[in-house]
Amino acid sequence: MVILADIDVKQSAPLTERSHAEVVSELVERGRADAVVVSGAGTGEAVDTTVLERVGDTHARRQQYS
């Protein structure tokens, strides 16, 4: 089984604002996600490349210190 976790599920709303780094860390550490999904703000919308870069940077730092 492989777990794919979306950092910003479209059918929910966060109770508080959190950084993408916090969300990614929680998905991987607590949720045991094998991969993180970064999608657009809505169905058919493009991915915000700034968010994609931040998530990629967070993942690279996690790999470096793991």
Protein backbone atom coordinates (compact mmCIF):
# COMPACT_ATOMS: atom_id res chain seq x y z
CA MET A 1 0.00 0.00 0.00
CA VAL A 2 1.19 3.50 -0.83
CA ILE A 3 -0.17 6.62 0.88
CA LEU A 4 -0.52 9.78 -1.23
CA ALA A 5 -1.44 12.84 0.84
CA ASP A 6 -2.70 16.16 -0.55
CA ILE A 7 -1.40 19.24 1.27
CA ASP A 8 -4.59 21.20 0.57
CA VAL A 9 -7.69 19.03 0.29
CA LYS A 10 -10.37 20.94 -1.58
CA GLN A 11 -13.32 19.78 0.54
CA SER A 12 -11.93 21.07 3.81
CA ALA A 13 -10.78 24.30 5.42
CA PRO A 14 -7.98 24.68 7.97
CA LEU A 15 -8.91 25.86 11.46
CA THR A 16 -5.66 27.85 11.59
CA GLU A 17 -3.14 28.89 8.97
CA ARG A 18 -0.01 26.75 8.87
CA SER A 19 3.06 26.91 6.69
CA HIS A 20 3.50 24.40 3.89
CA ALA A 21 6.58 23.08 5.70
CA GLU A 22 4.47 22.28 8.77
CA VAL A 23 1.81 20.55 6.69
CA VAL A 24 4.36 18.48 4.75
CA SER A 25 6.18 17.46 7.93
CA GLU A 26 2.92 16.39 9.56
CA LEU A 27 1.79 14.41 6.52
CA VAL A 28 5.09 12.55 6.32
CA GLU A 29 5.86 12.10 10.01
CA ARG A 30 2.43 11.62 11.58
CA GLY A 31 0.48 10.52 8.52
CA ARG A 32 3.30 8.30 7.22
CA ALA A 33 2.66 9.55 3.67
CA ASP A 34 4.85 8.00 0.99
CA ALA A 35 4.30 10.98 -1.31
CA VAL A 36 2.85 14.47 -1.05
CA VAL A 37 0.39 15.75 -3.66
CA VAL A 38 0.38 19.42 -4.61
CA SER A 39 -2.65 20.42 -6.66
CA GLY A 40 -4.35 23.60 -7.80
CA ALA A 41 -6.86 25.63 -5.79
CA GLY A 42 -9.76 23.92 -7.54
CA THR A 43 -10.58 21.21 -10.02
CA GLY A 44 -8.85 21.94 -13.31
CA GLU A 45 -6.83 24.86 -11.92
CA ALA A 46 -3.07 25.04 -12.32
CA VAL A 47 -0.70 24.41 -9.44
CA ASP A 48 0.76 27.52 -7.80
CA THR A 49 4.43 27.09 -8.69
CA THR A 50 5.51 28.99 -5.57
CA VAL A 51 3.75 26.41 -3.38
CA LEU A 52 5.22 23.59 -5.44
CA GLU A 53 8.73 25.00 -4.99
CA ARG A 54 8.23 25.43 -1.22
CA VAL A 55 7.04 21.86 -0.84
CA GLY A 56 9.98 20.62 -2.93
CA ASP A 57 12.41 22.65 -0.81
CA THR A 58 10.88 21.27 2.39
CA HIS A 59 11.19 17.72 1.08
CA ALA A 60 14.82 18.28 0.05
CA ARG A 61 15.69 19.60 3.53
CA ARG A 62 13.93 16.64 5.18
CA GLN A 63 15.92 14.20 3.01
CA GLN A 64 19.18 15.96 3.84
CA TYR A 65 18.66 15.65 7.62
CA SER A 66 16.97 12.24 7.74
